[in-house]
Amino acid sequence: MADQTQPSPEHLTHLDESGNIRMVDVTGKAETAREAVARARVRMSPRTIQLIKSNEIAKGSVLEVAKIAAIMAAKQTPQLIPLCHPLPMTHIDVHFALDEEQGVIQIETRTRTTYKTGVEVEALTAATVAALTIFDMCKGVDRTITLEQAYVARKSGGKSGLIEFEPEQ
């Protein structure tokens, strides 16, 4: 596993020398293949997981709607996060793992581009919007739903190369 505590810049990249907000200029950066994997977890009652698995939630197929929402969100990230660059997304993938016993849906999103800047925020936006969509579709049958532990698990490409991270449970 790569070191997740790499040295940070001496200054914040979204601030200029005077402390004013700016969009980072990536004009001179090389285009490279970049990928990010983000994860988020949704906790709910085991019964709600059963309803999702058997497609018995009245609003429809929860995981299919959440997948579409995640893909749309990744593509719209620059409209949501003010200083994100619009990126030519080359791949967006979404997977769900349901643990009925624990009452957990683990969401994993993967984003790719060949561009001058990374796709971590897009992957994280996709994962969190998938979690919000699951909440929205299931809130009528379960008032105990919580969204937990959204994070970037892996990123590759660019000058920092491969970085992997798994938080403590």
C-alpha atoms as a PDB file:
ATOM      1  CA  MET A   1       0.000   0.000   0.000  1.00  0.00           C
ATOM      2  CA  ALA A   2       1.274   3.455  -0.887  1.00  0.00           C
ATOM      3  CA  ASP A   3       1.930   6.008   1.824  1.00  0.00           C
ATOM      4  CA  GLN A   4      -1.249   8.003   2.421  1.00  0.00           C
ATOM      5  CA  THR A   5       0.570  10.637   4.473  1.00  0.00           C
ATOM      6  CA  GLN A   6       2.543  12.135   1.622  1.00  0.00           C
ATOM      7  CA  PRO A   7       3.897  15.639   2.181  1.00  0.00           C
ATOM      8  CA  SER A   8       1.293  18.304   1.612  1.00  0.00           C
ATOM      9  CA  PRO A   9       1.977  21.505  -0.315  1.00  0.00           C
ATOM     10  CA  GLU A  10       3.257  24.439   1.702  1.00  0.00           C
ATOM     11  CA  HIS A  11       0.227  26.387   0.502  1.00  0.00           C
ATOM     12  CA  LEU A  12      -3.323  25.618  -0.468  1.00  0.00           C
ATOM     13  CA  THR A  13      -3.561  25.316  -4.249  1.00  0.00           C
ATOM     14  CA  HIS A  14      -6.929  27.075  -4.445  1.00  0.00           C
ATOM     15  CA  LEU A  15      -5.500  30.269  -2.942  1.00  0.00           C
ATOM     16  CA  ASP A  16      -3.211  32.714  -4.730  1.00  0.00           C
ATOM     17  CA  GLU A  17      -0.250  34.488  -3.101  1.00  0.00           C
ATOM     18  CA  SER A  18      -2.606  37.080  -1.585  1.00  0.00           C
ATOM     19  CA  GLY A  19      -4.975  34.494  -0.128  1.00  0.00           C
ATOM     20  CA  ASN A  20      -7.670  34.998  -2.773  1.00  0.00           C
ATOM     21  CA  ILE A  21      -9.700  32.052  -4.091  1.00  0.00           C
ATOM     22  CA  ARG A  22      -8.653  30.803  -7.516  1.00  0.00           C
ATOM     23  CA  MET A  23      -9.146  27.867  -9.802  1.00  0.00           C
ATOM     24  CA  VAL A  24      -5.877  25.976 -10.196  1.00  0.00           C
ATOM     25  CA  ASP A  25      -4.281  26.529 -13.611  1.00  0.00           C
ATOM     26  CA  VAL A  26      -3.638  23.097 -15.141  1.00  0.00           C
ATOM     27  CA  THR A  27      -2.700  24.418 -18.584  1.00  0.00           C
ATOM     28  CA  GLY A  28       0.916  23.274 -18.362  1.00  0.00           C
ATOM     29  CA  LYS A  29       0.221  19.861 -16.840  1.00  0.00           C
ATOM     30  CA  ALA A  30       0.528  16.721 -18.922  1.00  0.00           C
ATOM     31  CA  GLU A  31      -2.518  14.638 -19.699  1.00  0.00           C
ATOM     32  CA  THR A  32      -2.191  11.244 -18.033  1.00  0.00           C
ATOM     33  CA  ALA A  33      -4.497   8.313 -17.338  1.00  0.00           C
ATOM     34  CA  ARG A  34      -6.088   8.919 -13.948  1.00  0.00           C
ATOM     35  CA  GLU A  35      -8.403   6.811 -11.859  1.00  0.00           C
ATOM     36  CA  ALA A  36     -10.074   7.133  -8.471  1.00  0.00           C
ATOM     37  CA  VAL A  37     -12.060   4.746  -6.304  1.00  0.00           C
ATOM     38  CA  ALA A  38     -14.339   6.122  -3.591  1.00  0.00           C
ATOM     39  CA  ARG A  39     -16.417   4.318  -1.027  1.00  0.00           C
ATOM     40  CA  ALA A  40     -19.391   5.202   1.141  1.00  0.00           C
ATOM     41  CA  ARG A  41     -21.532   3.143   3.453  1.00  0.00           C
ATOM     42  CA  VAL A  42     -25.253   3.307   4.177  1.00  0.00           C
ATOM     43  CA  ARG A  43     -26.487   1.692   7.387  1.00  0.00           C
ATOM     44  CA  MET A  44     -30.128   0.680   7.833  1.00  0.00           C
ATOM     45  CA  SER A  45     -32.262  -2.029   9.349  1.00  0.00           C
ATOM     46  CA  PRO A  46     -31.690  -5.554   8.014  1.00  0.00           C
ATOM     47  CA  ARG A  47     -35.373  -5.581   7.000  1.00  0.00           C
ATOM     48  CA  THR A  48     -34.800  -2.605   4.691  1.00  0.00           C
ATOM     49  CA  ILE A  49     -31.912  -4.475   3.040  1.00  0.00           C
ATOM     50  CA  GLN A  50     -34.320  -7.387   2.475  1.00  0.00           C
ATOM     51  CA  LEU A  51     -36.829  -5.041   0.853  1.00  0.00           C
ATOM     52  CA  ILE A  52     -34.134  -3.606  -1.421  1.00  0.00           C
ATOM     53  CA  LYS A  53     -32.888  -7.078  -2.405  1.00  0.00           C
ATOM     54  CA  SER A  54     -36.395  -8.262  -3.236  1.00  0.00           C
ATOM     55  CA  ASN A  55     -37.218  -5.009  -5.064  1.00  0.00           C
ATOM     56  CA  GLU A  56     -40.126  -4.259  -2.721  1.00  0.00           C
ATOM     57  CA  ILE A  57     -39.424  -0.563  -2.086  1.00  0.00           C
ATOM     58  CA  ALA A  58     -42.440   1.338  -3.417  1.00  0.00           C
ATOM     59  CA  LYS A  59     -40.347   3.978  -5.192  1.00  0.00           C
ATOM     60  CA  GLY A  60     -38.706   1.378  -7.466  1.00  0.00           C
ATOM     61  CA  SER A  61     -35.388  -0.358  -7.936  1.00  0.00           C
ATOM     62  CA  VAL A  62     -33.267   1.372  -5.302  1.00  0.00           C
ATOM     63  CA  LEU A  63     -29.858   0.235  -6.520  1.00  0.00           C
ATOM     64  CA  GLU A  64     -30.550   0.929 -10.197  1.00  0.00           C
ATOM     65  CA  VAL A  65     -31.753   4.450  -9.418  1.00  0.00           C
ATOM     66  CA  ALA A  66     -28.769   5.007  -7.096  1.00  0.00           C
ATOM     67  CA  LYS A  67     -26.395   3.830  -9.837  1.00  0.00           C
ATOM     68  CA  ILE A  68     -27.874   6.255 -12.366  1.00  0.00           C
ATOM     69  CA  ALA A  69     -27.760   9.070  -9.788  1.00  0.00           C
ATOM     70  CA  ALA A  70     -24.091   8.313  -9.050  1.00  0.00           C
ATOM     71  CA  ILE A  71     -23.127   8.403 -12.727  1.00  0.00           C
ATOM     72  CA  MET A  72     -25.030  11.641 -13.302  1.00  0.00           C
ATOM     73  CA  ALA A  73     -23.487  13.207 -10.187  1.00  0.00           C
ATOM     74  CA  ALA A  74     -19.925  12.365 -11.234  1.00  0.00           C
ATOM     75  CA  LYS A  75     -20.526  14.068 -14.579  1.00  0.00           C
ATOM     76  CA  GLN A  76     -22.004  17.145 -12.854  1.00  0.00           C
ATOM     77  CA  THR A  77     -19.317  17.594 -10.190  1.00  0.00           C
ATOM     78  CA  PRO A  78     -18.048  20.959 -11.531  1.00  0.00           C
ATOM     79  CA  GLN A  79     -21.595  22.352 -11.206  1.00  0.00           C
ATOM     80  CA  LEU A  80     -21.676  21.277  -7.541  1.00  0.00           C
ATOM     81  CA  ILE A  81     -18.118  21.974  -6.357  1.00  0.00           C
ATOM     82  CA  PRO A  82     -17.137  25.510  -7.398  1.00  0.00           C
ATOM     83  CA  LEU A  83     -13.408  25.084  -8.081  1.00  0.00           C
ATOM     84  CA  CYS A  84     -13.470  21.633  -9.719  1.00  0.00           C
ATOM     85  CA  HIS A  85     -12.369  21.489 -13.332  1.00  0.00           C
ATOM     86  CA  PRO A  86     -14.799  20.091 -15.889  1.00  0.00           C
ATOM     87  CA  LEU A  87     -13.273  16.766 -16.930  1.00  0.00           C
ATOM     88  CA  PRO A  88     -13.785  14.515 -19.924  1.00  0.00           C
ATOM     89  CA  MET A  89     -14.921  11.433 -17.990  1.00  0.00           C
ATOM     90  CA  THR A  90     -13.937   8.256 -19.809  1.00  0.00           C
ATOM     91  CA  HIS A  91     -15.452   5.774 -17.345  1.00  0.00           C
ATOM     92  CA  ILE A  92     -17.757   5.788 -14.334  1.00  0.00           C
ATOM     93  CA  ASP A  93     -18.665   2.558 -12.567  1.00  0.00           C
ATOM     94  CA  VAL A  94     -20.754   1.879  -9.471  1.00  0.00           C
ATOM     95  CA  HIS A  95     -21.002  -1.281  -7.366  1.00  0.00           C
ATOM     96  CA  PHE A  96     -23.048  -2.143  -4.300  1.00  0.00           C
ATOM     97  CA  ALA A  97     -22.385  -4.839  -1.708  1.00  0.00           C
ATOM     98  CA  LEU A  98     -25.337  -5.624   0.573  1.00  0.00           C
ATOM     99  CA  ASP A  99     -24.756  -7.076   4.018  1.00  0.00           C
ATOM    100  CA  GLU A 100     -28.173  -8.026   5.327  1.00  0.00           C
ATOM    101  CA  GLU A 101     -26.858  -9.271   8.656  1.00  0.00           C
ATOM    102  CA  GLN A 102     -25.104  -5.978   9.464  1.00  0.00           C
ATOM    103  CA  GLY A 103     -27.704  -3.797   7.736  1.00  0.00           C
ATOM    104  CA  VAL A 104     -25.107  -2.153   5.493  1.00  0.00           C
ATOM    105  CA  ILE A 105     -24.812  -1.264   1.835  1.00  0.00           C
ATOM    106  CA  GLN A 106     -21.220  -0.618   0.807  1.00  0.00           C
ATOM    107  CA  ILE A 107     -20.973   1.633  -2.246  1.00  0.00           C
ATOM    108  CA  GLU A 108     -17.884   1.703  -4.437  1.00  0.00           C
ATOM    109  CA  THR A 109     -17.470   4.086  -7.366  1.00  0.00           C
ATOM    110  CA  ARG A 110     -14.661   4.206  -9.908  1.00  0.00           C
ATOM    111  CA  THR A 111     -13.977   7.154 -12.197  1.00  0.00           C
ATOM    112  CA  ARG A 112     -11.443   7.473 -15.007  1.00  0.00           C
ATOM    113  CA  THR A 113     -10.156  10.145 -17.319  1.00  0.00           C
ATOM    114  CA  THR A 114      -7.156  10.958 -19.421  1.00  0.00           C
ATOM    115  CA  TYR A 115      -6.676  14.557 -18.456  1.00  0.00           C
ATOM    116  CA  LYS A 116      -4.508  17.068 -16.581  1.00  0.00           C
ATOM    117  CA  THR A 117      -6.135  16.693 -13.151  1.00  0.00           C
ATOM    118  CA  GLY A 118      -7.503  13.893 -11.007  1.00  0.00           C
ATOM    119  CA  VAL A 119     -10.970  12.424 -10.649  1.00  0.00           C
ATOM    120  CA  GLU A 120     -11.104  11.906  -6.865  1.00  0.00           C
ATOM    121  CA  VAL A 121     -13.840  14.470  -6.232  1.00  0.00           C
ATOM    122  CA  GLU A 122     -15.929  12.982  -9.043  1.00  0.00           C
ATOM    123  CA  ALA A 123     -15.649   9.489  -7.517  1.00  0.00           C
ATOM    124  CA  LEU A 124     -16.497  10.822  -4.062  1.00  0.00           C
ATOM    125  CA  THR A 125     -19.437  12.820  -5.427  1.00  0.00           C
ATOM    126  CA  ALA A 126     -20.750   9.683  -7.135  1.00  0.00           C
ATOM    127  CA  ALA A 127     -20.476   7.598  -3.950  1.00  0.00           C
ATOM    128  CA  THR A 128     -22.160  10.166  -1.734  1.00  0.00           C
ATOM    129  CA  VAL A 129     -24.977  10.888  -4.177  1.00  0.00           C
ATOM    130  CA  ALA A 130     -25.609   7.141  -4.475  1.00  0.00           C
ATOM    131  CA  ALA A 131     -25.852   7.041  -0.664  1.00  0.00           C
ATOM    132  CA  LEU A 132     -28.226  10.035  -0.631  1.00  0.00           C
ATOM    133  CA  THR A 133     -30.376   8.374  -3.279  1.00  0.00           C
ATOM    134  CA  ILE A 134     -30.622   5.172  -1.248  1.00  0.00           C
ATOM    135  CA  PHE A 135     -31.633   7.284   1.757  1.00  0.00           C
ATOM    136  CA  ASP A 136     -34.257   9.146  -0.264  1.00  0.00           C
ATOM    137  CA  MET A 137     -35.777   6.019  -1.738  1.00  0.00           C
ATOM    138  CA  CYS A 138     -35.913   4.139   1.580  1.00  0.00           C
ATOM    139  CA  LYS A 139     -36.683   6.852   4.141  1.00  0.00           C
ATOM    140  CA  GLY A 140     -40.389   6.058   4.012  1.00  0.00           C
ATOM    141  CA  VAL A 141     -39.824   2.541   5.389  1.00  0.00           C
ATOM    142  CA  ASP A 142     -36.799   3.164   7.622  1.00  0.00           C
ATOM    143  CA  ARG A 143     -36.160   6.245   9.758  1.00  0.00           C
ATOM    144  CA  THR A 144     -32.846   4.859  11.071  1.00  0.00           C
ATOM    145  CA  ILE A 145     -30.794   5.156   7.872  1.00  0.00           C
ATOM    146  CA  THR A 146     -27.361   6.731   8.297  1.00  0.00           C
ATOM    147  CA  LEU A 147     -24.724   7.665   5.740  1.00  0.00           C
ATOM    148  CA  GLU A 148     -21.254   6.711   6.918  1.00  0.00           C
ATOM    149  CA  GLN A 149     -17.587   6.929   6.109  1.00  0.00           C
ATOM    150  CA  ALA A 150     -17.306   8.385   2.617  1.00  0.00           C
ATOM    151  CA  TYR A 151     -13.677   8.453   1.464  1.00  0.00           C
ATOM    152  CA  VAL A 152     -11.292   8.096  -1.479  1.00  0.00           C
ATOM    153  CA  ALA A 153      -9.833   4.593  -1.227  1.00  0.00           C
ATOM    154  CA  ARG A 154      -7.486   4.776  -4.198  1.00  0.00           C
ATOM    155  CA  LYS A 155      -6.209   7.219  -6.767  1.00  0.00           C
ATOM    156  CA  SER A 156      -3.668   6.784  -9.504  1.00  0.00           C
ATOM    157  CA  GLY A 157      -2.111   8.928 -12.174  1.00  0.00           C
ATOM    158  CA  GLY A 158      -0.584  12.349 -12.132  1.00  0.00           C
ATOM    159  CA  LYS A 159       2.596  13.351 -10.339  1.00  0.00           C
ATOM    160  CA  SER A 160       1.627  11.772  -6.998  1.00  0.00           C
ATOM    161  CA  GLY A 161       1.116   8.342  -8.576  1.00  0.00           C
ATOM    162  CA  LEU A 162      -0.683   5.638  -6.636  1.00  0.00           C
ATOM    163  CA  ILE A 163      -2.200   6.438  -3.256  1.00  0.00           C
ATOM    164  CA  GLU A 164      -4.346   3.933  -1.338  1.00  0.00           C
ATOM    165  CA  PHE A 165      -6.215   4.513   1.895  1.00  0.00           C
ATOM    166  CA  GLU A 166      -8.487   2.479   4.162  1.00  0.00           C
ATOM    167  CA  PRO A 167      -9.774   4.202   7.311  1.00  0.00           C
ATOM    168  CA  GLU A 168     -10.031   2.402  10.594  1.00  0.00           C
ATOM    169  CA  GLN A 169     -13.473   0.934  11.156  1.00  0.00           C
END
